[in-house]
Amino acid sequence: MKKIILTCITSIGLLTPAMAQIPTIDVSSLQQLYAQYRTMEQQLDTSRNILGKATQIYDQEVKTYQTALGNIDMVKSKVQSWISSFRPRVAHPEF
């Protein structure tokens, strides 16, 4: 009889830590976590869209700037050639 009681007490002692290890699932917490996940997913999509539009605007500005610089270089080369056309006359001894 003592052996049975001792076995029962030991069994209860062994089962208590094992039962403490069993997780419980709180459904309302899972629902809240999922709602937060969905919100963050929507925010990420919005951020990606904003980044895409900003990248397009930046690329357009870079092209405009490069075109403007190309035109400036063309004007600069034309002016330089025009100025160079006077050099032989300036170097002429009659001036």
PDB file of N, CA and C in Angstrom:
ATOM      1  N   MET A   1       0.822  -1.184   0.000  1.00  0.00           N
ATOM      2  CA  MET A   1       0.000   0.000   0.000  1.00  0.00           C
ATOM      3  C   MET A   1       0.874   1.260   0.000  1.00  0.00           C
ATOM      4  N   LYS A   2       1.910   1.243   0.840  1.00  0.00           N
ATOM      5  CA  LYS A   2       2.815   2.379   0.862  1.00  0.00           C
ATOM      6  C   LYS A   2       3.476   2.551  -0.501  1.00  0.00           C
ATOM      7  N   LYS A   3       3.768   1.429  -1.133  1.00  0.00           N
ATOM      8  CA  LYS A   3       4.416   1.471  -2.437  1.00  0.00           C
ATOM      9  C   LYS A   3       3.491   2.103  -3.480  1.00  0.00           C
ATOM     10  N   ILE A   4       2.228   1.827  -3.439  1.00  0.00           N
ATOM     11  CA  ILE A   4       1.251   2.386  -4.386  1.00  0.00           C
ATOM     12  C   ILE A   4       1.103   3.884  -4.152  1.00  0.00           C
ATOM     13  N   ILE A   5       1.020   4.294  -2.917  1.00  0.00           N
ATOM     14  CA  ILE A   5       0.881   5.713  -2.592  1.00  0.00           C
ATOM     15  C   ILE A   5       2.145   6.466  -3.023  1.00  0.00           C
ATOM     16  N   LEU A   6       3.305   5.853  -2.748  1.00  0.00           N
ATOM     17  CA  LEU A   6       4.564   6.476  -3.148  1.00  0.00           C
ATOM     18  C   LEU A   6       4.657   6.590  -4.671  1.00  0.00           C
ATOM     19  N   THR A   7       4.203   5.594  -5.383  1.00  0.00           N
ATOM     20  CA  THR A   7       4.194   5.611  -6.850  1.00  0.00           C
ATOM     21  C   THR A   7       3.258   6.700  -7.363  1.00  0.00           C
ATOM     22  N   CYS A   8       2.101   6.848  -6.751  1.00  0.00           N
ATOM     23  CA  CYS A   8       1.138   7.884  -7.153  1.00  0.00           C
ATOM     24  C   CYS A   8       1.725   9.275  -6.920  1.00  0.00           C
ATOM     25  N   ILE A   9       2.348   9.471  -5.781  1.00  0.00           N
ATOM     26  CA  ILE A   9       2.935  10.781  -5.471  1.00  0.00           C
ATOM     27  C   ILE A   9       4.069  11.089  -6.445  1.00  0.00           C
ATOM     28  N   THR A  10       4.887  10.087  -6.731  1.00  0.00           N
ATOM     29  CA  THR A  10       5.985  10.266  -7.673  1.00  0.00           C
ATOM     30  C   THR A  10       5.444  10.569  -9.061  1.00  0.00           C
ATOM     31  N   SER A  11       4.405   9.867  -9.458  1.00  0.00           N
ATOM     32  CA  SER A  11       3.793  10.097 -10.775  1.00  0.00           C
ATOM     33  C   SER A  11       3.241  11.506 -10.879  1.00  0.00           C
ATOM     34  N   ILE A  12       2.582  11.951  -9.838  1.00  0.00           N
ATOM     35  CA  ILE A  12       2.040  13.313  -9.835  1.00  0.00           C
ATOM     36  C   ILE A  12       3.182  14.316  -9.899  1.00  0.00           C
ATOM     37  N   GLY A  13       4.259  14.032  -9.174  1.00  0.00           N
ATOM     38  CA  GLY A  13       5.426  14.910  -9.189  1.00  0.00           C
ATOM     39  C   GLY A  13       6.066  14.977 -10.562  1.00  0.00           C
ATOM     40  N   LEU A  14       6.065  13.887 -11.297  1.00  0.00           N
ATOM     41  CA  LEU A  14       6.649  13.862 -12.641  1.00  0.00           C
ATOM     42  C   LEU A  14       5.728  14.496 -13.683  1.00  0.00           C
ATOM     43  N   LEU A  15       4.435  14.360 -13.491  1.00  0.00           N
ATOM     44  CA  LEU A  15       3.481  14.890 -14.466  1.00  0.00           C
ATOM     45  C   LEU A  15       3.316  16.399 -14.357  1.00  0.00           C
ATOM     46  N   THR A  16       3.516  16.958 -13.195  1.00  0.00           N
ATOM     47  CA  THR A  16       3.305  18.389 -13.016  1.00  0.00           C
ATOM     48  C   THR A  16       4.220  19.215 -13.918  1.00  0.00           C
ATOM     49  N   PRO A  17       5.553  18.961 -13.973  1.00  0.00           N
ATOM     50  CA  PRO A  17       6.381  19.737 -14.908  1.00  0.00           C
ATOM     51  C   PRO A  17       6.008  19.469 -16.364  1.00  0.00           C
ATOM     52  N   ALA A  18       5.613  18.255 -16.663  1.00  0.00           N
ATOM     53  CA  ALA A  18       5.236  17.937 -18.044  1.00  0.00           C
ATOM     54  C   ALA A  18       3.978  18.701 -18.441  1.00  0.00           C
ATOM     55  N   MET A  19       3.050  18.840 -17.543  1.00  0.00           N
ATOM     56  CA  MET A  19       1.811  19.561 -17.838  1.00  0.00           C
ATOM     57  C   MET A  19       2.088  21.055 -17.960  1.00  0.00           C
ATOM     58  N   ALA A  20       3.079  21.545 -17.230  1.00  0.00           N
ATOM     59  CA  ALA A  20       3.416  22.959 -17.317  1.00  0.00           C
ATOM     60  C   ALA A  20       4.023  23.291 -18.684  1.00  0.00           C
ATOM     61  N   GLN A  21       4.550  22.294 -19.370  1.00  0.00           N
ATOM     62  CA  GLN A  21       5.171  22.499 -20.667  1.00  0.00           C
ATOM     63  C   GLN A  21       4.156  22.559 -21.807  1.00  0.00           C
ATOM     64  N   ILE A  22       2.945  22.170 -21.589  1.00  0.00           N
ATOM     65  CA  ILE A  22       1.925  22.158 -22.642  1.00  0.00           C
ATOM     66  C   ILE A  22       1.487  23.603 -22.910  1.00  0.00           C
ATOM     67  N   PRO A  23       1.671  24.091 -24.132  1.00  0.00           N
ATOM     68  CA  PRO A  23       1.300  25.488 -24.429  1.00  0.00           C
ATOM     69  C   PRO A  23      -0.201  25.643 -24.573  1.00  0.00           C
ATOM     70  N   THR A  24      -0.654  26.812 -24.240  1.00  0.00           N
ATOM     71  CA  THR A  24      -2.059  27.139 -24.467  1.00  0.00           C
ATOM     72  C   THR A  24      -2.103  28.195 -25.563  1.00  0.00           C
ATOM     73  N   ILE A  25      -3.091  28.107 -26.403  1.00  0.00           N
ATOM     74  CA  ILE A  25      -3.223  29.020 -27.533  1.00  0.00           C
ATOM     75  C   ILE A  25      -4.357  29.983 -27.238  1.00  0.00           C
ATOM     76  N   ASP A  26      -4.019  31.255 -27.245  1.00  0.00           N
ATOM     77  CA  ASP A  26      -5.013  32.296 -27.013  1.00  0.00           C
ATOM     78  C   ASP A  26      -5.474  32.802 -28.381  1.00  0.00           C
ATOM     79  N   VAL A  27      -6.691  32.469 -28.743  1.00  0.00           N
ATOM     80  CA  VAL A  27      -7.208  32.777 -30.076  1.00  0.00           C
ATOM     81  C   VAL A  27      -7.286  34.286 -30.308  1.00  0.00           C
ATOM     82  N   SER A  28      -7.695  35.037 -29.314  1.00  0.00           N
ATOM     83  CA  SER A  28      -7.816  36.486 -29.504  1.00  0.00           C
ATOM     84  C   SER A  28      -6.438  37.111 -29.750  1.00  0.00           C
ATOM     85  N   SER A  29      -5.404  36.591 -29.098  1.00  0.00           N
ATOM     86  CA  SER A  29      -4.041  37.101 -29.340  1.00  0.00           C
ATOM     87  C   SER A  29      -3.591  36.773 -30.756  1.00  0.00           C
ATOM     88  N   LEU A  30      -3.937  35.585 -31.233  1.00  0.00           N
ATOM     89  CA  LEU A  30      -3.593  35.210 -32.605  1.00  0.00           C
ATOM     90  C   LEU A  30      -4.308  36.104 -33.608  1.00  0.00           C
ATOM     91  N   GLN A  31      -5.567  36.418 -33.330  1.00  0.00           N
ATOM     92  CA  GLN A  31      -6.310  37.296 -34.230  1.00  0.00           C
ATOM     93  C   GLN A  31      -5.695  38.689 -34.262  1.00  0.00           C
ATOM     94  N   GLN A  32      -5.298  39.190 -33.104  1.00  0.00           N
ATOM     95  CA  GLN A  32      -4.666  40.503 -33.031  1.00  0.00           C
ATOM     96  C   GLN A  32      -3.323  40.490 -33.763  1.00  0.00           C
ATOM     97  N   LEU A  33      -2.555  39.432 -33.579  1.00  0.00           N
ATOM     98  CA  LEU A  33      -1.268  39.310 -34.250  1.00  0.00           C
ATOM     99  C   LEU A  33      -1.440  39.263 -35.765  1.00  0.00           C
ATOM    100  N   TYR A  34      -2.446  38.539 -36.235  1.00  0.00           N
ATOM    101  CA  TYR A  34      -2.708  38.454 -37.669  1.00  0.00           C
ATOM    102  C   TYR A  34      -3.151  39.809 -38.223  1.00  0.00           C
ATOM    103  N   ALA A  35      -3.967  40.527 -37.454  1.00  0.00           N
ATOM    104  CA  ALA A  35      -4.406  41.858 -37.891  1.00  0.00           C
ATOM    105  C   ALA A  35      -3.210  42.794 -38.000  1.00  0.00           C
ATOM    106  N   GLN A  36      -2.289  42.716 -37.054  1.00  0.00           N
ATOM    107  CA  GLN A  36      -1.085  43.533 -37.120  1.00  0.00           C
ATOM    108  C   GLN A  36      -0.237  43.149 -38.335  1.00  0.00           C
ATOM    109  N   TYR A  37      -0.157  41.867 -38.613  1.00  0.00           N
ATOM    110  CA  TYR A  37       0.576  41.389 -39.785  1.00  0.00           C
ATOM    111  C   TYR A  37      -0.017  41.961 -41.063  1.00  0.00           C
ATOM    112  N   ARG A  38      -1.329  41.916 -41.189  1.00  0.00           N
ATOM    113  CA  ARG A  38      -2.000  42.435 -42.390  1.00  0.00           C
ATOM    114  C   ARG A  38      -1.761  43.940 -42.534  1.00  0.00           C
ATOM    115  N   THR A  39      -1.824  44.674 -41.414  1.00  0.00           N
ATOM    116  CA  THR A  39      -1.585  46.116 -41.444  1.00  0.00           C
ATOM    117  C   THR A  39      -0.168  46.406 -41.917  1.00  0.00           C
ATOM    118  N   MET A  40       0.793  45.683 -41.381  1.00  0.00           N
ATOM    119  CA  MET A  40       2.182  45.885 -41.775  1.00  0.00           C
ATOM    120  C   MET A  40       2.394  45.511 -43.237  1.00  0.00           C
ATOM    121  N   GLU A  41       1.708  44.494 -43.704  1.00  0.00           N
ATOM    122  CA  GLU A  41       1.799  44.090 -45.107  1.00  0.00           C
ATOM    123  C   GLU A  41       1.265  45.198 -46.015  1.00  0.00           C
ATOM    124  N   GLN A  42       0.151  45.815 -45.624  1.00  0.00           N
ATOM    125  CA  GLN A  42      -0.409  46.919 -46.404  1.00  0.00           C
ATOM    126  C   GLN A  42       0.523  48.127 -46.389  1.00  0.00           C
ATOM    127  N   GLN A  43       1.125  48.400 -45.242  1.00  0.00           N
ATOM    128  CA  GLN A  43       2.070  49.515 -45.154  1.00  0.00           C
ATOM    129  C   GLN A  43       3.288  49.265 -46.042  1.00  0.00           C
ATOM    130  N   LEU A  44       3.741  48.029 -46.090  1.00  0.00           N
ATOM    131  CA  LEU A  44       4.873  47.679 -46.950  1.00  0.00           C
ATOM    132  C   LEU A  44       4.518  47.871 -48.417  1.00  0.00           C
ATOM    133  N   ASP A  45       3.318  47.454 -48.816  1.00  0.00           N
ATOM    134  CA  ASP A  45       2.882  47.656 -50.201  1.00  0.00           C
ATOM    135  C   ASP A  45       2.817  49.144 -50.548  1.00  0.00           C
ATOM    136  N   THR A  46       2.283  49.942 -49.622  1.00  0.00           N
ATOM    137  CA  THR A  46       2.201  51.391 -49.840  1.00  0.00           C
ATOM    138  C   THR A  46       3.601  51.988 -49.981  1.00  0.00           C
ATOM    139  N   SER A  47       4.507  51.562 -49.121  1.00  0.00           N
ATOM    140  CA  SER A  47       5.890  52.062 -49.180  1.00  0.00           C
ATOM    141  C   SER A  47       6.555  51.679 -50.492  1.00  0.00           C
ATOM    142  N   ARG A  48       6.314  50.483 -50.952  1.00  0.00           N
ATOM    143  CA  ARG A  48       6.882  50.054 -52.239  1.00  0.00           C
ATOM    144  C   ARG A  48       6.340  50.892 -53.387  1.00  0.00           C
ATOM    145  N   ASN A  49       5.042  51.199 -53.349  1.00  0.00           N
ATOM    146  CA  ASN A  49       4.445  52.031 -54.396  1.00  0.00           C
ATOM    147  C   ASN A  49       5.046  53.437 -54.386  1.00  0.00           C
ATOM    148  N   ILE A  50       5.203  54.002 -53.202  1.00  0.00           N
ATOM    149  CA  ILE A  50       5.790  55.338 -53.075  1.00  0.00           C
ATOM    150  C   ILE A  50       7.232  55.317 -53.591  1.00  0.00           C
ATOM    151  N   LEU A  51       7.972  54.298 -53.228  1.00  0.00           N
ATOM    152  CA  LEU A  51       9.361  54.185 -53.695  1.00  0.00           C
ATOM    153  C   LEU A  51       9.414  54.060 -55.214  1.00  0.00           C
ATOM    154  N   GLY A  52       8.501  53.284 -55.785  1.00  0.00           N
ATOM    155  CA  GLY A  52       8.465  53.128 -57.242  1.00  0.00           C
ATOM    156  C   GLY A  52       8.205  54.447 -57.946  1.00  0.00           C
ATOM    157  N   LYS A  53       7.247  55.223 -57.426  1.00  0.00           N
ATOM    158  CA  LYS A  53       6.940  56.524 -58.033  1.00  0.00           C
ATOM    159  C   LYS A  53       8.120  57.486 -57.872  1.00  0.00           C
ATOM    160  N   ALA A  54       8.734  57.482 -56.699  1.00  0.00           N
ATOM    161  CA  ALA A  54       9.890  58.365 -56.468  1.00  0.00           C
ATOM    162  C   ALA A  54      11.047  57.991 -57.391  1.00  0.00           C
ATOM    163  N   THR A  55      11.240  56.701 -57.605  1.00  0.00           N
ATOM    164  CA  THR A  55      12.304  56.245 -58.504  1.00  0.00           C
ATOM    165  C   THR A  55      12.038  56.694 -59.929  1.00  0.00           C
ATOM    166  N   GLN A  56      10.778  56.611 -60.362  1.00  0.00           N
ATOM    167  CA  GLN A  56      10.421  57.079 -61.713  1.00  0.00           C
ATOM    168  C   GLN A  56      10.677  58.575 -61.861  1.00  0.00           C
ATOM    169  N   ILE A  57      10.295  59.349 -60.870  1.00  0.00           N
ATOM    170  CA  ILE A  57      10.507  60.795 -60.917  1.00  0.00           C
ATOM    171  C   ILE A  57      12.006  61.100 -60.957  1.00  0.00           C
ATOM    172  N   TYR A  58      12.766  60.396 -60.131  1.00  0.00           N
ATOM    173  CA  TYR A  58      14.222  60.601 -60.102  1.00  0.00           C
ATOM    174  C   TYR A  58      14.841  60.275 -61.462  1.00  0.00           C
ATOM    175  N   ASP A  59      14.458  59.136 -62.033  1.00  0.00           N
ATOM    176  CA  ASP A  59      15.001  58.749 -63.335  1.00  0.00           C
ATOM    177  C   ASP A  59      14.672  59.791 -64.403  1.00  0.00           C
ATOM    178  N   GLN A  60      13.445  60.322 -64.351  1.00  0.00           N
ATOM    179  CA  GLN A  60      13.044  61.347 -65.314  1.00  0.00           C
ATOM    180  C   GLN A  60      13.884  62.617 -65.119  1.00  0.00           C
ATOM    181  N   GLU A  61      14.121  62.999 -63.874  1.00  0.00           N
ATOM    182  CA  GLU A  61      14.928  64.188 -63.603  1.00  0.00           C
ATOM    183  C   GLU A  61      16.374  63.989 -64.069  1.00  0.00           C
ATOM    184  N   VAL A  62      16.905  62.790 -63.876  1.00  0.00           N
ATOM    185  CA  VAL A  62      18.271  62.506 -64.320  1.00  0.00           C
ATOM    186  C   VAL A  62      18.357  62.630 -65.843  1.00  0.00           C
ATOM    187  N   LYS A  63      17.375  62.085 -66.547  1.00  0.00           N
ATOM    188  CA  LYS A  63      17.376  62.180 -68.011  1.00  0.00           C
ATOM    189  C   LYS A  63      17.279  63.639 -68.464  1.00  0.00           C
ATOM    190  N   THR A  64      16.424  64.403 -67.783  1.00  0.00           N
ATOM    191  CA  THR A  64      16.273  65.819 -68.125  1.00  0.00           C
ATOM    192  C   THR A  64      17.587  66.556 -67.887  1.00  0.00           C
ATOM    193  N   TYR A  65      18.222  66.276 -66.770  1.00  0.00           N
ATOM    194  CA  TYR A  65      19.493  66.922 -66.428  1.00  0.00           C
ATOM    195  C   TYR A  65      20.568  66.557 -67.443  1.00  0.00           C
ATOM    196  N   GLN A  66      20.629  65.280 -67.806  1.00  0.00           N
ATOM    197  CA  GLN A  66      21.625  64.838 -68.776  1.00  0.00           C
ATOM    198  C   GLN A  66      21.388  65.476 -70.136  1.00  0.00           C
ATOM    199  N   THR A  67      20.136  65.604 -70.520  1.00  0.00           N
ATOM    200  CA  THR A  67      19.802  66.250 -71.786  1.00  0.00           C
ATOM    201  C   THR A  67      20.210  67.719 -71.741  1.00  0.00           C
ATOM    202  N   ALA A  68      19.921  68.362 -70.613  1.00  0.00           N
ATOM    203  CA  ALA A  68      20.290  69.775 -70.479  1.00  0.00           C
ATOM    204  C   ALA A  68      21.801  69.927 -70.537  1.00  0.00           C
ATOM    205  N   LEU A  69      22.535  69.052 -69.886  1.00  0.00           N
ATOM    206  CA  LEU A  69      23.992  69.123 -69.932  1.00  0.00           C
ATOM    207  C   LEU A  69      24.511  68.865 -71.337  1.00  0.00           C
ATOM    208  N   GLY A  70      23.855  67.937 -72.032  1.00  0.00           N
ATOM    209  CA  GLY A  70      24.248  67.669 -73.415  1.00  0.00           C
ATOM    210  C   GLY A  70      24.056  68.901 -74.269  1.00  0.00           C
ATOM    211  N   ASN A  71      22.941  69.602 -74.074  1.00  0.00           N
ATOM    212  CA  ASN A  71      22.687  70.822 -74.841  1.00  0.00           C
ATOM    213  C   ASN A  71      23.688  71.910 -74.469  1.00  0.00           C
ATOM    214  N   ILE A  72      24.033  71.998 -73.204  1.00  0.00           N
ATOM    215  CA  ILE A  72      25.022  72.988 -72.774  1.00  0.00           C
ATOM    216  C   ILE A  72      26.367  72.682 -73.407  1.00  0.00           C
ATOM    217  N   ASP A  73      26.731  71.402 -73.419  1.00  0.00           N
ATOM    218  CA  ASP A  73      28.003  71.027 -74.046  1.00  0.00           C
ATOM    219  C   ASP A  73      28.001  71.361 -75.533  1.00  0.00           C
ATOM    220  N   MET A  74      26.860  71.158 -76.181  1.00  0.00           N
ATOM    221  CA  MET A  74      26.772  71.472 -77.602  1.00  0.00           C
ATOM    222  C   MET A  74      26.926  72.978 -77.816  1.00  0.00           C
ATOM    223  N   VAL A  75      26.246  73.775 -76.999  1.00  0.00           N
ATOM    224  CA  VAL A  75      26.350  75.238 -77.117  1.00  0.00           C
ATOM    225  C   VAL A  75      27.772  75.673 -76.810  1.00  0.00           C
ATOM    226  N   LYS A  76      28.355  75.083 -75.778  1.00  0.00           N
ATOM    227  CA  LYS A  76      29.728  75.437 -75.409  1.00  0.00           C
ATOM    228  C   LYS A  76      30.694  75.138 -76.553  1.00  0.00           C
ATOM    229  N   SER A  77      30.539  73.994 -77.188  1.00  0.00           N
ATOM    230  CA  SER A  77      31.441  73.655 -78.298  1.00  0.00           C
ATOM    231  C   SER A  77      31.229  74.597 -79.482  1.00  0.00           C
ATOM    232  N   LYS A  78      29.991  75.001 -79.737  1.00  0.00           N
ATOM    233  CA  LYS A  78      29.712  75.948 -80.824  1.00  0.00           C
ATOM    234  C   LYS A  78      30.358  77.299 -80.527  1.00  0.00           C
ATOM    235  N   VAL A  79      30.234  77.753 -79.282  1.00  0.00           N
ATOM    236  CA  VAL A  79      30.830  79.032 -78.897  1.00  0.00           C
ATOM    237  C   VAL A  79      32.345  78.950 -79.004  1.00  0.00           C
ATOM    238  N   GLN A  80      32.906  77.839 -78.541  1.00  0.00           N
ATOM    239  CA  GLN A  80      34.367  77.665 -78.622  1.00  0.00           C
ATOM    240  C   GLN A  80      34.842  77.695 -80.078  1.00  0.00           C
ATOM    241  N   SER A  81      34.118  77.029 -80.954  1.00  0.00           N
ATOM    242  CA  SER A  81      34.525  77.039 -82.366  1.00  0.00           C
ATOM    243  C   SER A  81      34.369  78.432 -82.961  1.00  0.00           C
ATOM    244  N   TRP A  82      33.353  79.162 -82.545  1.00  0.00           N
ATOM    245  CA  TRP A  82      33.153  80.531 -83.030  1.00  0.00           C
ATOM    246  C   TRP A  82      34.295  81.424 -82.555  1.00  0.00           C
ATOM    247  N   ILE A  83      34.669  81.279 -81.279  1.00  0.00           N
ATOM    248  CA  ILE A  83      35.792  82.053 -80.730  1.00  0.00           C
ATOM    249  C   ILE A  83      37.095  81.664 -81.440  1.00  0.00           C
ATOM    250  N   SER A  84      37.255  80.378 -81.675  1.00  0.00           N
ATOM    251  CA  SER A  84      38.463  79.905 -82.357  1.00  0.00           C
ATOM    252  C   SER A  84      38.559  80.457 -83.771  1.00  0.00           C
ATOM    253  N   SER A  85      37.423  80.735 -84.383  1.00  0.00           N
ATOM    254  CA  SER A  85      37.458  81.263 -85.744  1.00  0.00           C
ATOM    255  C   SER A  85      38.069  82.661 -85.793  1.00  0.00           C
ATOM    256  N   PHE A  86      38.099  83.383 -84.674  1.00  0.00           N
ATOM    257  CA  PHE A  86      38.703  84.716 -84.628  1.00  0.00           C
ATOM    258  C   PHE A  86      40.196  84.683 -84.344  1.00  0.00           C
ATOM    259  N   ARG A  87      40.709  83.613 -83.838  1.00  0.00           N
ATOM    260  CA  ARG A  87      42.122  83.550 -83.443  1.00  0.00           C
ATOM    261  C   ARG A  87      43.073  83.795 -84.623  1.00  0.00           C
ATOM    262  N   PRO A  88      42.853  83.205 -85.764  1.00  0.00           N
ATOM    263  CA  PRO A  88      43.785  83.504 -86.857  1.00  0.00           C
ATOM    264  C   PRO A  88      43.798  84.991 -87.208  1.00  0.00           C
ATOM    265  N   ARG A  89      42.677  85.657 -87.131  1.00  0.00           N
ATOM    266  CA  ARG A  89      42.604  87.082 -87.446  1.00  0.00           C
ATOM    267  C   ARG A  89      43.324  87.918 -86.382  1.00  0.00           C
ATOM    268  N   VAL A  90      43.159  87.501 -85.107  1.00  0.00           N
ATOM    269  CA  VAL A  90      43.795  88.231 -84.009  1.00  0.00           C
ATOM    270  C   VAL A  90      45.298  88.068 -84.112  1.00  0.00           C
ATOM    271  N   ALA A  91      45.765  86.907 -84.483  1.00  0.00           N
ATOM    272  CA  ALA A  91      47.191  86.655 -84.603  1.00  0.00           C
ATOM    273  C   ALA A  91      47.793  87.344 -85.811  1.00  0.00           C
ATOM    274  N   HIS A  92      46.961  87.777 -86.716  1.00  0.00           N
ATOM    275  CA  HIS A  92      47.432  88.462 -87.925  1.00  0.00           C
ATOM    276  C   HIS A  92      48.101  89.776 -87.521  1.00  0.00           C
ATOM    277  N   PRO A  93      49.205  90.145 -88.129  1.00  0.00           N
ATOM    278  CA  PRO A  93      49.943  91.356 -87.736  1.00  0.00           C
ATOM    279  C   PRO A  93      49.197  92.655 -88.013  1.00  0.00           C
ATOM    280  N   GLU A  94      48.174  92.632 -88.823  1.00  0.00           N
ATOM    281  CA  GLU A  94      47.456  93.865 -89.138  1.00  0.00           C
ATOM    282  C   GLU A  94      46.603  94.349 -87.969  1.00  0.00           C
ATOM    283  N   PHE A  95      46.336  93.491 -87.013  1.00  0.00           N
ATOM    284  CA  PHE A  95      45.483  93.908 -85.890  1.00  0.00           C
ATOM    285  C   PHE A  95      46.241  94.626 -84.904  1.00  0.00           C
TER     286      PHE A  95
END
